[in-house]
């Protein structure tokens, strides 16, 4: 699940020109729906600020498809 979490943070940074750095995965769940939805709670740093974030990544591994469907900053 670490690879999926790193993808979520990298994709968020690309989309918003951010600089979050993954600190740890707090929680992860999966849901099978025409692929896999990964629901993640993670800690990330933006400079010196610690942030708690929720991310959802949809993956269809057999198609080599992966998409960040949501990324929400919970607190900063």
N, C-alpha and C. Protein backbone atom coordinates (compact mmCIF):
# COMPACT_ATOMS: atom_id res chain seq x y z
N UNK A 1 0.82 -1.20 0.00
CA UNK A 1 0.00 0.00 0.00
C UNK A 1 0.87 1.26 0.00
N UNK A 2 2.13 1.12 0.37
CA UNK A 2 3.03 2.28 0.38
C UNK A 2 3.17 2.89 -1.01
N UNK A 3 3.26 2.04 -2.03
CA UNK A 3 3.40 2.54 -3.40
C UNK A 3 2.18 3.37 -3.80
N UNK A 4 0.99 2.93 -3.42
CA UNK A 4 -0.24 3.66 -3.73
C UNK A 4 -0.25 5.00 -2.98
N UNK A 5 0.18 4.99 -1.73
CA UNK A 5 0.21 6.22 -0.93
C UNK A 5 1.20 7.22 -1.51
N UNK A 6 2.38 6.74 -1.90
CA UNK A 6 3.36 7.63 -2.53
C UNK A 6 2.82 8.21 -3.83
N UNK A 7 2.10 7.39 -4.60
CA UNK A 7 1.47 7.88 -5.82
C UNK A 7 0.49 9.00 -5.50
N UNK A 8 -0.33 8.82 -4.46
CA UNK A 8 -1.33 9.83 -4.09
C UNK A 8 -0.67 11.17 -3.76
N UNK A 9 0.39 11.14 -2.97
CA UNK A 9 1.08 12.38 -2.59
C UNK A 9 1.76 13.01 -3.80
N UNK A 10 2.43 12.20 -4.61
CA UNK A 10 3.11 12.73 -5.81
C UNK A 10 2.11 13.34 -6.79
N UNK A 11 0.98 12.67 -6.99
CA UNK A 11 -0.04 13.17 -7.92
C UNK A 11 -0.65 14.47 -7.39
N UNK A 12 -0.91 14.52 -6.09
CA UNK A 12 -1.42 15.76 -5.47
C UNK A 12 -0.42 16.90 -5.70
N UNK A 13 0.85 16.65 -5.46
CA UNK A 13 1.88 17.67 -5.66
C UNK A 13 1.94 18.12 -7.12
N UNK A 14 1.81 17.20 -8.04
CA UNK A 14 1.83 17.54 -9.47
C UNK A 14 0.64 18.41 -9.84
N UNK A 15 -0.55 18.02 -9.38
CA UNK A 15 -1.76 18.76 -9.73
C UNK A 15 -1.78 20.16 -9.14
N UNK A 16 -1.29 20.31 -7.91
CA UNK A 16 -1.38 21.61 -7.23
C UNK A 16 -0.03 22.30 -7.06
N UNK A 17 0.99 21.77 -7.72
CA UNK A 17 2.35 22.31 -7.58
C UNK A 17 2.72 22.42 -6.10
N UNK A 18 2.39 21.37 -5.36
CA UNK A 18 2.65 21.33 -3.92
C UNK A 18 4.00 20.73 -3.60
N UNK A 19 4.28 20.66 -2.31
CA UNK A 19 5.56 20.11 -1.86
C UNK A 19 5.39 19.20 -0.64
N UNK A 20 4.25 18.50 -0.58
CA UNK A 20 4.03 17.59 0.54
C UNK A 20 5.03 16.44 0.48
N UNK A 21 5.48 16.00 1.63
CA UNK A 21 6.37 14.84 1.76
C UNK A 21 5.67 13.83 2.67
N UNK A 22 5.52 12.61 2.19
CA UNK A 22 4.87 11.56 2.96
C UNK A 22 5.66 11.25 4.22
N UNK A 23 4.99 11.24 5.35
CA UNK A 23 5.61 10.89 6.63
C UNK A 23 5.23 9.46 7.03
N UNK A 24 3.92 9.15 7.01
CA UNK A 24 3.49 7.80 7.35
C UNK A 24 2.06 7.56 6.89
N UNK A 25 1.74 6.28 6.70
CA UNK A 25 0.37 5.86 6.40
C UNK A 25 -0.28 5.56 7.74
N UNK A 26 -1.36 6.26 8.07
CA UNK A 26 -2.05 6.06 9.33
C UNK A 26 -3.05 4.92 9.21
N UNK A 27 -3.75 4.88 8.07
CA UNK A 27 -4.80 3.88 7.88
C UNK A 27 -5.00 3.67 6.39
N UNK A 28 -5.32 2.46 6.01
CA UNK A 28 -5.62 2.17 4.61
C UNK A 28 -6.69 1.11 4.49
N UNK A 29 -7.62 1.33 3.58
CA UNK A 29 -8.69 0.37 3.32
C UNK A 29 -8.80 0.17 1.82
N UNK A 30 -9.30 -0.99 1.42
CA UNK A 30 -9.54 -1.23 0.00
C UNK A 30 -11.00 -1.59 -0.22
N UNK A 31 -11.47 -1.25 -1.42
CA UNK A 31 -12.82 -1.59 -1.85
C UNK A 31 -12.71 -2.05 -3.29
N UNK A 32 -13.22 -3.24 -3.58
CA UNK A 32 -13.16 -3.78 -4.93
C UNK A 32 -14.38 -3.31 -5.71
N UNK A 33 -14.13 -2.53 -6.78
CA UNK A 33 -15.19 -2.04 -7.67
C UNK A 33 -14.57 -1.81 -9.04
N UNK A 34 -14.72 -2.72 -9.96
CA UNK A 34 -14.12 -2.55 -11.28
C UNK A 34 -12.68 -2.06 -11.13
N UNK A 35 -11.95 -2.73 -10.29
CA UNK A 35 -10.61 -2.34 -9.90
C UNK A 35 -10.59 -2.25 -8.38
N UNK A 36 -9.68 -1.48 -7.86
CA UNK A 36 -9.59 -1.33 -6.41
C UNK A 36 -9.56 0.15 -6.06
N UNK A 37 -10.40 0.55 -5.11
CA UNK A 37 -10.35 1.88 -4.52
C UNK A 37 -9.54 1.76 -3.24
N UNK A 38 -8.48 2.54 -3.14
CA UNK A 38 -7.69 2.60 -1.91
C UNK A 38 -8.09 3.86 -1.18
N UNK A 39 -8.60 3.72 0.04
CA UNK A 39 -8.95 4.86 0.88
C UNK A 39 -7.87 4.98 1.94
N UNK A 40 -7.16 6.11 1.92
CA UNK A 40 -5.96 6.27 2.74
C UNK A 40 -6.08 7.45 3.68
N UNK A 41 -5.56 7.28 4.87
CA UNK A 41 -5.35 8.39 5.80
C UNK A 41 -3.84 8.44 6.00
N UNK A 42 -3.25 9.63 5.80
CA UNK A 42 -1.80 9.72 5.87
C UNK A 42 -1.36 11.01 6.53
N UNK A 43 -0.13 10.98 7.01
CA UNK A 43 0.52 12.16 7.56
C UNK A 43 1.54 12.62 6.52
N UNK A 44 1.55 13.92 6.25
CA UNK A 44 2.50 14.48 5.29
C UNK A 44 2.98 15.83 5.80
N UNK A 45 4.19 16.20 5.39
CA UNK A 45 4.76 17.48 5.79
C UNK A 45 4.81 18.42 4.61
N UNK A 46 4.51 19.68 4.87
CA UNK A 46 4.66 20.74 3.89
C UNK A 46 5.59 21.75 4.52
N UNK A 47 6.87 21.63 4.23
CA UNK A 47 7.87 22.44 4.94
C UNK A 47 7.97 21.93 6.37
N UNK A 48 7.58 22.77 7.33
CA UNK A 48 7.63 22.35 8.73
C UNK A 48 6.25 22.01 9.27
N UNK A 49 5.19 22.22 8.48
CA UNK A 49 3.82 21.96 8.94
C UNK A 49 3.45 20.50 8.75
N UNK A 50 2.96 19.86 9.82
CA UNK A 50 2.44 18.50 9.73
C UNK A 50 0.99 18.56 9.28
N UNK A 51 0.61 17.69 8.36
CA UNK A 51 -0.74 17.66 7.83
C UNK A 51 -1.30 16.25 7.88
N UNK A 52 -2.57 16.15 8.21
CA UNK A 52 -3.29 14.89 8.11
C UNK A 52 -4.14 14.99 6.85
N UNK A 53 -4.08 13.96 6.01
CA UNK A 53 -4.76 14.00 4.71
C UNK A 53 -5.54 12.71 4.49
N UNK A 54 -6.60 12.83 3.70
CA UNK A 54 -7.35 11.66 3.25
C UNK A 54 -7.26 11.63 1.74
N UNK A 55 -6.94 10.46 1.19
CA UNK A 55 -6.80 10.32 -0.25
C UNK A 55 -7.54 9.06 -0.71
N UNK A 56 -8.03 9.12 -1.95
CA UNK A 56 -8.64 7.94 -2.58
C UNK A 56 -7.96 7.76 -3.93
N UNK A 57 -7.44 6.55 -4.16
CA UNK A 57 -6.80 6.20 -5.42
C UNK A 57 -7.55 5.03 -6.03
N UNK A 58 -7.91 5.15 -7.30
CA UNK A 58 -8.59 4.08 -8.03
C UNK A 58 -7.56 3.42 -8.93
N UNK A 59 -7.45 2.10 -8.84
CA UNK A 59 -6.45 1.38 -9.62
C UNK A 59 -7.08 0.20 -10.35
N UNK A 60 -6.70 0.05 -11.62
CA UNK A 60 -7.00 -1.15 -12.41
C UNK A 60 -5.64 -1.68 -12.86
N UNK A 61 -5.06 -2.54 -12.03
CA UNK A 61 -3.69 -3.00 -12.26
C UNK A 61 -3.53 -3.70 -13.61
N UNK A 62 -4.53 -4.46 -14.04
CA UNK A 62 -4.42 -5.20 -15.29
C UNK A 62 -4.38 -4.27 -16.51
N UNK A 63 -4.82 -3.01 -16.33
CA UNK A 63 -4.75 -2.02 -17.41
C UNK A 63 -3.61 -1.01 -17.18
N UNK A 64 -2.87 -1.20 -16.08
CA UNK A 64 -1.83 -0.26 -15.67
C UNK A 64 -2.41 1.15 -15.55
N UNK A 65 -3.59 1.22 -14.93
CA UNK A 65 -4.33 2.47 -14.74
C UNK A 65 -4.36 2.80 -13.26
N UNK A 66 -4.07 4.05 -12.94
CA UNK A 66 -4.11 4.52 -11.56
C UNK A 66 -4.51 5.99 -11.59
N UNK A 67 -5.50 6.36 -10.75
CA UNK A 67 -5.98 7.75 -10.74
C UNK A 67 -6.26 8.20 -9.31
N UNK A 68 -5.78 9.38 -8.97
CA UNK A 68 -6.10 10.01 -7.69
C UNK A 68 -7.48 10.63 -7.85
N UNK A 69 -8.49 10.11 -7.13
CA UNK A 69 -9.85 10.63 -7.29
C UNK A 69 -10.19 11.68 -6.24
N UNK A 70 -9.50 11.69 -5.11
CA UNK A 70 -9.68 12.79 -4.15
C UNK A 70 -8.47 12.86 -3.22
N UNK A 71 -8.21 14.07 -2.76
CA UNK A 71 -7.12 14.31 -1.81
C UNK A 71 -7.54 15.50 -0.97
N UNK A 72 -7.76 15.27 0.31
CA UNK A 72 -8.30 16.31 1.18
C UNK A 72 -7.38 16.52 2.38
N UNK A 73 -7.04 17.77 2.61
CA UNK A 73 -6.28 18.13 3.79
C UNK A 73 -7.25 18.19 4.96
N UNK A 74 -7.02 17.36 5.98
CA UNK A 74 -7.93 17.30 7.11
C UNK A 74 -7.61 18.37 8.14
N UNK A 75 -6.31 18.54 8.43
CA UNK A 75 -5.89 19.61 9.34
C UNK A 75 -4.44 19.95 9.05
N UNK A 76 -4.05 21.14 9.40
CA UNK A 76 -2.69 21.55 9.10
C UNK A 76 -1.97 22.07 10.30
